C-alpha atoms as a PDB file:
ATOM      1  CA  MET A   1     229.234 -85.436  15.224  1.00  0.00           C
ATOM      2  CA  ALA A   2     226.357 -84.623  12.894  1.00  0.00           C
ATOM      3  CA  LEU A   3     225.794 -87.561  10.771  1.00  0.00           C
ATOM      4  CA  GLN A   4     227.172 -87.042   7.094  1.00  0.00           C
ATOM      5  CA  LEU A   5     226.876 -88.353   3.671  1.00  0.00           C
ATOM      6  CA  GLY A   6     228.391 -91.912   3.427  1.00  0.00           C
ATOM      7  CA  ASP A   7     228.040 -92.589   7.182  1.00  0.00           C
ATOM      8  CA  GLN A   8     226.574 -95.927   8.225  1.00  0.00           C
ATOM      9  CA  VAL A   9     223.456 -94.828  10.372  1.00  0.00           C
ATOM     10  CA  PRO A  10     223.286 -95.860  13.880  1.00  0.00           C
ATOM     11  CA  ASN A  11     220.625 -98.621  14.620  1.00  0.00           C
ATOM     12  CA  PHE A  12     218.193 -98.268  17.245  1.00  0.00           C
ATOM     13  CA  THR A  13     215.326-100.141  18.925  1.00  0.00           C
ATOM     14  CA  GLN A  14     212.193 -98.184  19.910  1.00  0.00           C
ATOM     15  CA  GLN A  15     208.638 -98.292  20.168  1.00  0.00           C
ATOM     16  CA  THR A  16     206.300 -97.321  17.164  1.00  0.00           C
ATOM     17  CA  SER A  17     202.512 -96.864  16.326  1.00  0.00           C
ATOM     18  CA  GLU A  18     202.875-100.536  14.923  1.00  0.00           C
ATOM     19  CA  GLY A  19     204.964-102.371  17.845  1.00  0.00           C
ATOM     20  CA  GLU A  20     208.534-102.091  19.085  1.00  0.00           C
ATOM     21  CA  ILE A  21     211.080-102.457  15.936  1.00  0.00           C
ATOM     22  CA  ASP A  22     214.850-102.981  15.660  1.00  0.00           C
ATOM     23  CA  PHE A  23     215.666-100.647  12.766  1.00  0.00           C
ATOM     24  CA  TYR A  24     218.145-102.592  11.031  1.00  0.00           C
ATOM     25  CA  THR A  25     215.926-105.844  10.899  1.00  0.00           C
ATOM     26  CA  TRP A  26     212.999-103.822  10.002  1.00  0.00           C
ATOM     27  CA  ALA A  27     214.653-101.874   7.273  1.00  0.00           C
ATOM     28  CA  GLY A  28     216.009-105.049   6.089  1.00  0.00           C
ATOM     29  CA  ASP A  29     217.565-105.219   2.517  1.00  0.00           C
ATOM     30  CA  SER A  30     215.138-101.810   1.325  1.00  0.00           C
ATOM     31  CA  TRP A  31     216.176 -98.316   1.160  1.00  0.00           C
ATOM     32  CA  VAL A  32     214.420 -95.926   3.737  1.00  0.00           C
ATOM     33  CA  VAL A  33     213.407 -92.748   4.281  1.00  0.00           C
ATOM     34  CA  LEU A  34     213.172 -91.524   7.839  1.00  0.00           C
ATOM     35  CA  PHE A  35     211.285 -88.207   8.399  1.00  0.00           C
ATOM     36  CA  SER A  36     211.172 -86.288  11.526  1.00  0.00           C
ATOM     37  CA  HIS A  37     208.311 -84.100  13.034  1.00  0.00           C
ATOM     38  CA  PRO A  38     208.485 -81.584  15.803  1.00  0.00           C
ATOM     39  CA  ALA A  39     205.575 -83.081  17.393  1.00  0.00           C
ATOM     40  CA  ASP A  40     202.130 -84.688  17.162  1.00  0.00           C
ATOM     41  CA  TYR A  41     199.179 -82.663  16.301  1.00  0.00           C
ATOM     42  CA  THR A  42     201.061 -79.904  14.208  1.00  0.00           C
ATOM     43  CA  PRO A  43     199.108 -78.977  11.345  1.00  0.00           C
ATOM     44  CA  VAL A  44     201.762 -78.949   8.517  1.00  0.00           C
ATOM     45  CA  CYS A  45     202.951 -82.365   9.574  1.00  0.00           C
ATOM     46  CA  THR A  46     199.563 -83.496   9.557  1.00  0.00           C
ATOM     47  CA  THR A  47     199.521 -82.696   5.907  1.00  0.00           C
ATOM     48  CA  GLU A  48     202.882 -84.509   5.190  1.00  0.00           C
ATOM     49  CA  LEU A  49     201.849 -87.732   6.945  1.00  0.00           C
ATOM     50  CA  GLY A  50     198.987 -87.540   4.753  1.00  0.00           C
ATOM     51  CA  SER A  51     200.932 -87.082   1.430  1.00  0.00           C
ATOM     52  CA  VAL A  52     203.271 -90.174   2.138  1.00  0.00           C
ATOM     53  CA  ALA A  53     200.357 -92.252   2.983  1.00  0.00           C
ATOM     54  CA  ARG A  54     198.928 -91.558  -0.527  1.00  0.00           C
ATOM     55  CA  LEU A  55     202.722 -91.871  -2.145  1.00  0.00           C
ATOM     56  CA  LYS A  56     203.550 -94.961  -0.290  1.00  0.00           C
ATOM     57  CA  PRO A  57     202.816 -97.262  -3.233  1.00  0.00           C
ATOM     58  CA  GLU A  58     205.539 -95.204  -5.062  1.00  0.00           C
ATOM     59  CA  PHE A  59     207.954 -95.779  -2.288  1.00  0.00           C
ATOM     60  CA  ASP A  60     207.084 -99.585  -2.809  1.00  0.00           C
ATOM     61  CA  LYS A  61     207.715 -99.690  -6.333  1.00  0.00           C
ATOM     62  CA  ARG A  62     211.171 -98.260  -5.176  1.00  0.00           C
ATOM     63  CA  GLY A  63     211.924-100.753  -2.632  1.00  0.00           C
ATOM     64  CA  ALA A  64     211.925 -98.001   0.015  1.00  0.00           C
ATOM     65  CA  LYS A  65     210.250 -98.009   3.294  1.00  0.00           C
ATOM     66  CA  VAL A  66     208.635 -94.961   5.009  1.00  0.00           C
ATOM     67  CA  ILE A  67     208.921 -94.234   8.697  1.00  0.00           C
ATOM     68  CA  ALA A  68     208.223 -91.032  10.669  1.00  0.00           C
ATOM     69  CA  LEU A  69     209.408 -90.175  13.950  1.00  0.00           C
ATOM     70  CA  SER A  70     207.914 -87.486  16.440  1.00  0.00           C
ATOM     71  CA  VAL A  71     208.772 -86.837  20.203  1.00  0.00           C
ATOM     72  CA  ASP A  72     205.669 -88.137  21.590  1.00  0.00           C
ATOM     73  CA  SER A  73     204.404 -91.436  22.741  1.00  0.00           C
ATOM     74  CA  ALA A  74     203.050 -94.148  21.032  1.00  0.00           C
ATOM     75  CA  ASP A  75     199.606 -93.559  22.444  1.00  0.00           C
ATOM     76  CA  SER A  76     199.851 -89.992  21.448  1.00  0.00           C
ATOM     77  CA  HIS A  77     200.524 -91.464  17.834  1.00  0.00           C
ATOM     78  CA  GLN A  78     197.524 -93.273  17.715  1.00  0.00           C
ATOM     79  CA  GLY A  79     195.263 -90.374  18.482  1.00  0.00           C
ATOM     80  CA  TRP A  80     197.086 -88.375  15.665  1.00  0.00           C
ATOM     81  CA  ILE A  81     196.794 -91.003  12.945  1.00  0.00           C
ATOM     82  CA  GLY A  82     193.153 -90.709  13.664  1.00  0.00           C
ATOM     83  CA  ASP A  83     193.200 -87.033  12.950  1.00  0.00           C
ATOM     84  CA  ILE A  84     195.345 -87.412  10.043  1.00  0.00           C
ATOM     85  CA  ASN A  85     193.114 -90.618   8.261  1.00  0.00           C
ATOM     86  CA  GLU A  86     190.491 -88.045   9.118  1.00  0.00           C
ATOM     87  CA  THR A  87     191.351 -84.972   7.603  1.00  0.00           C
ATOM     88  CA  GLN A  88     193.701 -85.962   4.735  1.00  0.00           C
ATOM     89  CA  GLY A  89     191.375 -89.046   3.475  1.00  0.00           C
ATOM     90  CA  VAL A  90     193.957 -91.530   3.928  1.00  0.00           C
ATOM     91  CA  THR A  91     195.248 -94.440   5.883  1.00  0.00           C
ATOM     92  CA  VAL A  92     198.107 -94.010   7.514  1.00  0.00           C
ATOM     93  CA  ASN A  93     199.878 -97.097   6.444  1.00  0.00           C
ATOM     94  CA  TYR A  94     203.818 -96.821   7.522  1.00  0.00           C
ATOM     95  CA  PRO A  95     204.922 -96.586  11.194  1.00  0.00           C
ATOM     96  CA  ILE A  96     205.907 -93.631  13.563  1.00  0.00           C
ATOM     97  CA  ILE A  97     208.516 -93.798  15.959  1.00  0.00           C
ATOM     98  CA  ALA A  98     207.586 -92.888  19.508  1.00  0.00           C
ATOM     99  CA  ASP A  99     210.669 -91.161  20.265  1.00  0.00           C
ATOM    100  CA  ASP A 100     209.434 -89.297  23.634  1.00  0.00           C
ATOM    101  CA  ASP A 101     212.947 -90.024  25.212  1.00  0.00           C
ATOM    102  CA  LYS A 102     214.645 -88.296  22.294  1.00  0.00           C
ATOM    103  CA  LYS A 103     216.998 -91.464  21.962  1.00  0.00           C
ATOM    104  CA  VAL A 104     216.830 -91.586  17.864  1.00  0.00           C
ATOM    105  CA  SER A 105     216.698 -87.603  17.964  1.00  0.00           C
ATOM    106  CA  ASP A 106     219.967 -87.498  19.559  1.00  0.00           C
ATOM    107  CA  LEU A 107     221.505 -90.479  17.891  1.00  0.00           C
ATOM    108  CA  TYR A 108     220.601 -88.831  14.324  1.00  0.00           C
ATOM    109  CA  GLY A 109     221.019 -85.086  15.209  1.00  0.00           C
ATOM    110  CA  MET A 110     217.223 -84.173  14.892  1.00  0.00           C
ATOM    111  CA  ILE A 111     217.723 -81.734  17.718  1.00  0.00           C
ATOM    112  CA  HIS A 112     218.756 -78.260  16.682  1.00  0.00           C
ATOM    113  CA  PRO A 113     219.081 -76.122  20.274  1.00  0.00           C
ATOM    114  CA  ASN A 114     218.973 -72.704  17.943  1.00  0.00           C
ATOM    115  CA  ALA A 115     215.583 -73.675  16.561  1.00  0.00           C
ATOM    116  CA  ASN A 116     213.838 -75.357  19.451  1.00  0.00           C
ATOM    117  CA  ALA A 117     215.837 -77.441  22.241  1.00  0.00           C
ATOM    118  CA  LYS A 118     212.818 -79.311  23.097  1.00  0.00           C
ATOM    119  CA  VAL A 119     211.723 -80.895  19.877  1.00  0.00           C
ATOM    120  CA  THR A 120     213.134 -82.551  16.313  1.00  0.00           C
ATOM    121  CA  VAL A 121     213.554 -80.278  13.626  1.00  0.00           C
ATOM    122  CA  ARG A 122     211.569 -81.745  10.526  1.00  0.00           C
ATOM    123  CA  SER A 123     214.638 -83.548   8.904  1.00  0.00           C
ATOM    124  CA  VAL A 124     214.269 -86.234   5.851  1.00  0.00           C
ATOM    125  CA  PHE A 125     217.286 -89.088   5.828  1.00  0.00           C
ATOM    126  CA  VAL A 126     217.147 -91.100   2.966  1.00  0.00           C
ATOM    127  CA  ILE A 127     219.148 -94.477   3.423  1.00  0.00           C
ATOM    128  CA  ASP A 128     220.178 -97.097   0.922  1.00  0.00           C
ATOM    129  CA  PRO A 129     220.402-100.697   1.769  1.00  0.00           C
ATOM    130  CA  LYS A 130     223.920-100.939   3.322  1.00  0.00           C
ATOM    131  CA  LYS A 131     222.563 -98.575   5.844  1.00  0.00           C
ATOM    132  CA  ASN A 132     224.602 -95.640   4.717  1.00  0.00           C
ATOM    133  CA  LEU A 133     222.941 -92.209   4.688  1.00  0.00           C
ATOM    134  CA  ARG A 134     222.485 -90.903   1.114  1.00  0.00           C
ATOM    135  CA  LEU A 135     220.502 -87.764   1.648  1.00  0.00           C
ATOM    136  CA  THR A 136     219.702 -85.174   4.039  1.00  0.00           C
ATOM    137  CA  ILE A 137     217.381 -82.308   4.174  1.00  0.00           C
ATOM    138  CA  THR A 138     216.449 -80.173   6.937  1.00  0.00           C
ATOM    139  CA  TYR A 139     213.282 -77.766   6.592  1.00  0.00           C
ATOM    140  CA  PRO A 140     212.170 -74.930   8.855  1.00  0.00           C
ATOM    141  CA  PRO A 141     208.671 -75.599  10.390  1.00  0.00           C
ATOM    142  CA  SER A 142     206.702 -73.398   8.458  1.00  0.00           C
ATOM    143  CA  THR A 143     207.563 -75.121   5.046  1.00  0.00           C
ATOM    144  CA  GLY A 144     206.061 -78.169   3.938  1.00  0.00           C
ATOM    145  CA  ARG A 145     207.970 -80.753   2.583  1.00  0.00           C
ATOM    146  CA  ASN A 146     208.222 -82.000  -0.950  1.00  0.00           C
ATOM    147  CA  PHE A 147     207.852 -85.771  -1.355  1.00  0.00           C
ATOM    148  CA  ALA A 148     207.551 -85.690  -5.323  1.00  0.00           C
ATOM    149  CA  GLU A 149     211.643 -84.695  -4.838  1.00  0.00           C
ATOM    150  CA  ILE A 150     212.669 -87.278  -2.349  1.00  0.00           C
ATOM    151  CA  LEU A 151     211.146 -89.655  -4.835  1.00  0.00           C
ATOM    152  CA  ARG A 152     212.995 -87.803  -7.551  1.00  0.00           C
ATOM    153  CA  VAL A 153     216.465 -88.073  -5.348  1.00  0.00           C
ATOM    154  CA  ILE A 154     215.561 -92.034  -4.807  1.00  0.00           C
ATOM    155  CA  ASP A 155     214.940 -92.432  -8.483  1.00  0.00           C
ATOM    156  CA  SER A 156     218.063 -90.566  -9.447  1.00  0.00           C
ATOM    157  CA  LEU A 157     220.520 -92.466  -6.316  1.00  0.00           C
ATOM    158  CA  GLN A 158     219.187 -95.818  -7.744  1.00  0.00           C
ATOM    159  CA  LEU A 159     220.090 -95.120 -11.233  1.00  0.00           C
ATOM    160  CA  THR A 160     223.600 -93.249 -10.865  1.00  0.00           C
ATOM    161  CA  ASP A 161     224.585 -96.630  -8.166  1.00  0.00           C
ATOM    162  CA  ASN A 162     224.337 -99.069 -11.221  1.00  0.00           C
ATOM    163  CA  TYR A 163     225.329 -96.794 -14.138  1.00  0.00           C
ATOM    164  CA  SER A 164     228.117 -94.235 -14.773  1.00  0.00           C
ATOM    165  CA  VAL A 165     225.953 -91.014 -15.074  1.00  0.00           C
ATOM    166  CA  ALA A 166     224.663 -88.416 -12.781  1.00  0.00           C
ATOM    167  CA  THR A 167     221.598 -86.589 -12.999  1.00  0.00           C
ATOM    168  CA  PRO A 168     221.306 -82.747 -14.288  1.00  0.00           C
ATOM    169  CA  VAL A 169     219.356 -80.186 -12.830  1.00  0.00           C
ATOM    170  CA  ASP A 170     215.285 -80.694 -12.330  1.00  0.00           C
ATOM    171  CA  TRP A 171     215.956 -84.226 -13.792  1.00  0.00           C
ATOM    172  CA  LYS A 172     212.900 -86.443 -13.947  1.00  0.00           C
ATOM    173  CA  ASP A 173     212.937 -90.251 -14.575  1.00  0.00           C
ATOM    174  CA  GLY A 174     213.196 -91.032 -18.278  1.00  0.00           C
ATOM    175  CA  GLU A 175     215.180 -88.259 -19.118  1.00  0.00           C
ATOM    176  CA  ASP A 176     218.546 -87.403 -20.601  1.00  0.00           C
ATOM    177  CA  VAL A 177     221.371 -88.239 -17.961  1.00  0.00           C
ATOM    178  CA  VAL A 178     224.871 -86.660 -18.012  1.00  0.00           C
ATOM    179  CA  VAL A 179     227.964 -89.164 -18.547  1.00  0.00           C
ATOM    180  CA  VAL A 180     230.723 -88.708 -15.574  1.00  0.00           C
ATOM    181  CA  PRO A 181     233.583 -86.937 -16.416  1.00  0.00           C
ATOM    182  CA  SER A 182     235.852 -89.986 -15.799  1.00  0.00           C
ATOM    183  CA  ILE A 183     234.874 -91.446 -18.671  1.00  0.00           C
ATOM    184  CA  PRO A 184     236.655 -90.512 -21.907  1.00  0.00           C
ATOM    185  CA  THR A 185     234.197 -89.624 -24.573  1.00  0.00           C
ATOM    186  CA  ASP A 186     235.093 -92.778 -26.978  1.00  0.00           C
ATOM    187  CA  GLU A 187     234.470 -94.776 -24.226  1.00  0.00           C
ATOM    188  CA  ALA A 188     231.442 -93.416 -23.473  1.00  0.00           C
ATOM    189  CA  ARG A 189     229.995 -94.189 -26.886  1.00  0.00           C
ATOM    190  CA  GLN A 190     230.659 -97.738 -26.534  1.00  0.00           C
ATOM    191  CA  ARG A 191     229.360 -97.939 -22.962  1.00  0.00           C
ATOM    192  CA  PHE A 192     225.945 -95.824 -24.028  1.00  0.00           C
ATOM    193  CA  PRO A 193     224.812 -97.057 -27.374  1.00  0.00           C
ATOM    194  CA  LYS A 194     221.931 -95.122 -27.156  1.00  0.00           C
ATOM    195  CA  GLY A 195     224.105 -92.032 -28.055  1.00  0.00           C
ATOM    196  CA  VAL A 196     226.314 -89.524 -26.352  1.00  0.00           C
ATOM    197  CA  THR A 197     225.815 -85.689 -27.438  1.00  0.00           C
ATOM    198  CA  GLU A 198     229.239 -84.021 -26.506  1.00  0.00           C
ATOM    199  CA  ILE A 199     228.256 -80.308 -25.342  1.00  0.00           C
ATOM    200  CA  LYS A 200     231.223 -79.575 -24.092  1.00  0.00           C
ATOM    201  CA  PRO A 201     234.332 -82.134 -23.267  1.00  0.00           C
ATOM    202  CA  TYR A 202     233.269 -82.114 -19.782  1.00  0.00           C
ATOM    203  CA  LEU A 203     229.470 -81.977 -20.500  1.00  0.00           C
ATOM    204  CA  ARG A 204     228.066 -85.316 -22.446  1.00  0.00           C
ATOM    205  CA  MET A 205     224.689 -86.148 -22.174  1.00  0.00           C
ATOM    206  CA  THR A 206     223.162 -89.507 -22.968  1.00  0.00           C
ATOM    207  CA  PRO A 207     219.439 -90.967 -23.155  1.00  0.00           C
ATOM    208  CA  GLN A 208     218.941 -92.743 -19.793  1.00  0.00           C
ATOM    209  CA  PRO A 209     220.692 -96.178 -19.832  1.00  0.00           C
ATOM    210  CA  ASN A 210     217.829 -98.321 -18.463  1.00  0.00           C
ATOM    211  CA  LYS A 211     214.959 -97.208 -20.111  1.00  0.00           C
END
Protein backbone atom coordinates (compact mmCIF):
# COMPACT_ATOMS: atom_id res chain seq x y z
CA MET A 1 0.00 0.00 0.00
CA ALA A 2 1.14 3.52 -0.72
CA LEU A 3 2.22 5.62 2.25
CA GLN A 4 -0.48 8.04 3.31
CA LEU A 5 -0.34 11.20 5.42
CA GLY A 6 -0.14 10.36 9.11
CA ASP A 7 1.38 6.92 8.51
CA GLN A 8 4.57 6.04 10.35
CA VAL A 9 7.22 5.74 7.66
CA PRO A 10 9.17 2.48 7.49
CA ASN A 11 12.70 2.22 8.82
CA PHE A 12 15.54 0.92 6.66
CA THR A 13 19.29 0.37 6.68
CA GLN A 14 21.06 1.39 3.49
CA GLN A 15 24.36 2.63 2.16
CA THR A 16 24.70 6.35 1.43
CA SER A 17 27.34 8.69 0.11
CA GLU A 18 28.35 9.18 3.76
CA GLY A 19 28.34 5.50 4.80
CA GLU A 20 25.68 3.07 5.99
CA ILE A 21 22.78 4.51 8.00
CA ASP A 22 19.87 3.19 9.99
CA PHE A 23 17.25 5.72 8.96
CA TYR A 24 15.50 6.08 12.32
CA THR A 25 18.81 6.44 14.15
CA TRP A 26 20.10 8.95 11.60
CA ALA A 27 16.88 10.99 11.79
CA GLY A 28 16.87 11.07 15.60
CA ASP A 29 14.43 13.68 16.90
CA SER A 30 14.64 15.84 13.78
CA TRP A 31 12.21 16.58 11.01
CA VAL A 32 13.38 14.94 7.77
CA VAL A 33 13.06 15.86 4.11
CA LEU A 34 13.65 12.75 1.98
CA PHE A 35 13.66 13.42 -1.76
CA SER A 36 14.20 10.95 -4.58
CA HIS A 37 15.83 11.20 -7.99
CA PRO A 38 15.43 9.03 -11.09
CA ALA A 39 19.17 8.45 -11.46
CA ASP A 40 22.60 9.99 -11.01
CA TYR A 41 23.96 12.37 -13.65
CA THR A 42 20.55 13.76 -14.55
CA PRO A 43 20.39 17.49 -15.37
CA VAL A 44 17.34 18.73 -13.46
CA CYS A 45 18.29 16.77 -10.35
CA THR A 46 21.83 18.15 -10.48
CA THR A 47 20.40 21.65 -10.09
CA GLU A 48 18.09 20.46 -7.30
CA LEU A 49 20.83 18.88 -5.20
CA GLY A 50 22.84 22.07 -5.58
CA SER A 51 19.89 24.15 -4.40
CA VAL A 52 19.37 21.95 -1.33
CA ALA A 53 23.05 22.28 -0.44
CA ARG A 54 22.72 26.07 -0.53
CA LEU A 55 19.51 25.94 1.52
CA LYS A 56 20.79 23.50 4.12
CA PRO A 57 21.32 26.26 6.75
CA GLU A 58 17.60 27.09 6.39
CA PHE A 59 16.64 23.45 6.97
CA ASP A 60 19.03 23.37 9.93
CA LYS A 61 17.28 26.39 11.49
CA ARG A 62 14.04 24.43 11.42
CA GLY A 63 15.54 21.31 12.97
CA ALA A 64 15.14 19.45 9.66
CA LYS A 65 17.63 17.02 8.14
CA VAL A 66 17.77 16.50 4.38
CA ILE A 67 18.59 13.27 2.58
CA ALA A 68 18.40 12.41 -1.11
CA LEU A 69 17.95 9.05 -2.83
CA SER A 70 18.88 7.68 -6.21
CA VAL A 71 18.82 4.13 -7.57
CA ASP A 72 22.56 4.08 -8.22
CA SER A 73 25.54 2.95 -6.17
CA ALA A 74 27.45 4.89 -3.53
CA ASP A 75 30.47 4.99 -5.88
CA SER A 76 28.31 6.50 -8.61
CA HIS A 77 27.01 9.07 -6.11
CA GLN A 78 30.56 10.19 -5.33
CA GLY A 79 31.23 10.96 -8.99
CA TRP A 80 27.93 12.78 -9.35
CA ILE A 81 28.60 14.83 -6.20
CA GLY A 82 31.81 16.02 -7.84
CA ASP A 83 29.80 17.24 -10.82
CA ILE A 84 27.20 18.90 -8.58
CA ASN A 85 29.86 20.74 -6.60
CA GLU A 86 31.59 21.87 -9.80
CA THR A 87 28.56 22.96 -11.81
CA GLN A 88 26.41 24.40 -9.00
CA GLY A 89 29.17 26.14 -7.02
CA VAL A 90 28.34 24.26 -3.81
CA THR A 91 29.60 21.51 -1.54
CA VAL A 92 27.01 18.77 -1.13
CA ASN A 93 26.60 18.65 2.65
CA TYR A 94 24.03 15.88 3.20
CA PRO A 95 23.83 12.16 2.36
CA ILE A 96 22.50 10.56 -0.82
CA ILE A 97 21.03 7.09 -0.31
CA ALA A 98 22.44 4.43 -2.64
CA ASP A 99 19.27 2.51 -3.47
CA ASP A 100 20.62 0.33 -6.25
CA ASP A 101 18.58 -2.64 -4.93
CA LYS A 102 15.45 -0.40 -4.87
CA LYS A 103 14.70 -1.48 -1.30
CA VAL A 104 13.84 2.02 -0.09
CA SER A 105 12.13 2.95 -3.35
CA ASP A 106 9.77 0.00 -2.96
CA LEU A 107 9.17 0.68 0.76
CA TYR A 108 8.19 4.29 0.06
CA GLY A 109 6.33 3.73 -3.21
CA MET A 110 8.79 5.70 -5.32
CA ILE A 111 8.49 3.43 -8.36
CA HIS A 112 5.56 4.41 -10.58
CA PRO A 113 5.50 1.76 -13.34
CA ASN A 114 3.42 3.80 -15.76
CA ALA A 115 5.99 6.60 -15.58
CA ASN A 116 9.09 4.43 -15.63
CA ALA A 117 9.36 0.96 -14.13
CA LYS A 118 13.14 1.14 -13.79
CA VAL A 119 13.74 4.34 -11.79
CA THR A 120 12.20 6.34 -8.98
CA VAL A 121 9.85 9.22 -9.56
CA ARG A 122 10.87 12.58 -8.14
CA SER A 123 9.08 12.55 -4.80
CA VAL A 124 9.46 14.62 -1.63
CA PHE A 125 8.54 13.25 1.79
CA VAL A 126 8.40 15.49 4.88
CA ILE A 127 8.59 13.37 8.03
CA ASP A 128 8.11 14.65 11.57
CA PRO A 129 10.16 13.72 14.67
CA LYS A 130 7.68 10.93 15.50
CA LYS A 131 8.49 9.40 12.08
CA ASN A 132 5.01 10.24 10.77
CA LEU A 133 4.55 11.28 7.15
CA ARG A 134 3.30 14.86 6.97
CA LEU A 135 3.67 15.80 3.27
CA THR A 136 4.23 14.13 -0.07
CA ILE A 137 4.75 15.87 -3.41
CA THR A 138 5.59 14.02 -6.62
CA TYR A 139 6.91 15.89 -9.64
CA PRO A 140 7.24 14.87 -13.29
CA PRO A 141 10.78 14.43 -14.63
CA SER A 142 10.73 17.69 -16.59
CA THR A 143 9.84 20.02 -13.70
CA GLY A 144 12.40 21.05 -11.11
CA ARG A 145 11.24 21.15 -7.51
CA ASN A 146 10.73 24.34 -5.50
CA PHE A 147 12.54 23.80 -2.20
CA ALA A 148 11.50 27.21 -0.91
CA GLU A 149 7.99 25.72 -0.89
CA ILE A 150 9.23 22.76 1.17
CA LEU A 151 10.67 25.20 3.72
CA ARG A 152 7.34 27.08 3.75
CA VAL A 153 5.46 23.85 4.43
CA ILE A 154 7.78 22.96 7.32
CA ASP A 155 7.19 26.44 8.79
CA SER A 156 3.44 25.85 8.52
CA LEU A 157 3.54 22.35 10.01
CA GLN A 158 5.69 23.42 12.95
CA LEU A 159 3.48 26.43 13.64
CA THR A 160 0.16 24.63 13.34
CA ASP A 161 1.37 21.70 15.46
CA ASN A 162 1.84 24.10 18.37
CA TYR A 163 -1.06 26.55 17.99
CA SER A 164 -4.74 26.19 17.07
CA VAL A 165 -4.27 27.85 13.71
CA ALA A 166 -4.01 26.99 10.03
CA THR A 167 -2.10 28.84 7.33
CA PRO A 168 -3.96 30.42 4.37
CA VAL A 169 -3.09 30.41 0.71
CA ASP A 170 0.45 31.54 -0.13
CA TRP A 171 1.19 32.12 3.57
CA LYS A 172 4.76 32.92 4.57
CA ASP A 173 6.31 32.97 8.02
CA GLY A 174 5.31 36.18 9.81
CA GLU A 175 1.98 36.70 8.04
CA ASP A 176 -1.51 36.44 9.51
CA VAL A 177 -2.96 32.98 10.08
CA VAL A 178 -6.41 31.39 10.25
CA VAL A 179 -8.08 30.51 13.56
CA VAL A 180 -9.23 26.88 13.33
CA PRO A 181 -13.03 26.48 13.05
CA SER A 182 -13.29 24.36 16.22
CA ILE A 183 -12.55 27.39 18.44
CA PRO A 184 -15.50 29.74 19.08
CA THR A 185 -14.75 33.40 18.36
CA ASP A 186 -15.07 34.49 22.01
CA GLU A 187 -12.57 31.84 23.05
CA ALA A 188 -10.30 32.76 20.15
CA ARG A 189 -10.17 36.39 21.29
CA GLN A 190 -8.93 35.20 24.68
CA ARG A 191 -6.49 32.71 23.24
CA PHE A 192 -5.03 35.14 20.68
CA PRO A 193 -4.48 38.46 22.47
CA LYS A 194 -2.99 40.10 19.37
CA GLY A 195 -6.54 40.26 18.03
CA VAL A 196 -8.97 38.26 15.93
CA THR A 197 -10.58 39.64 12.78
CA GLU A 198 -13.87 37.91 11.91
CA ILE A 199 -14.37 38.06 8.16
CA LYS A 200 -17.04 35.37 8.28
CA PRO A 201 -18.01 33.24 11.30
CA TYR A 202 -15.94 30.43 9.80
CA LEU A 203 -13.08 32.67 8.57
CA ARG A 204 -11.20 34.41 11.37
CA MET A 205 -7.66 35.80 11.03
CA THR A 206 -5.09 36.55 13.71
CA PRO A 207 -1.46 37.66 13.68
CA GLN A 208 0.98 34.79 13.80
CA PRO A 209 1.01 33.86 17.50
CA ASN A 210 4.72 33.05 17.86
CA LYS A 211 5.98 36.31 16.35
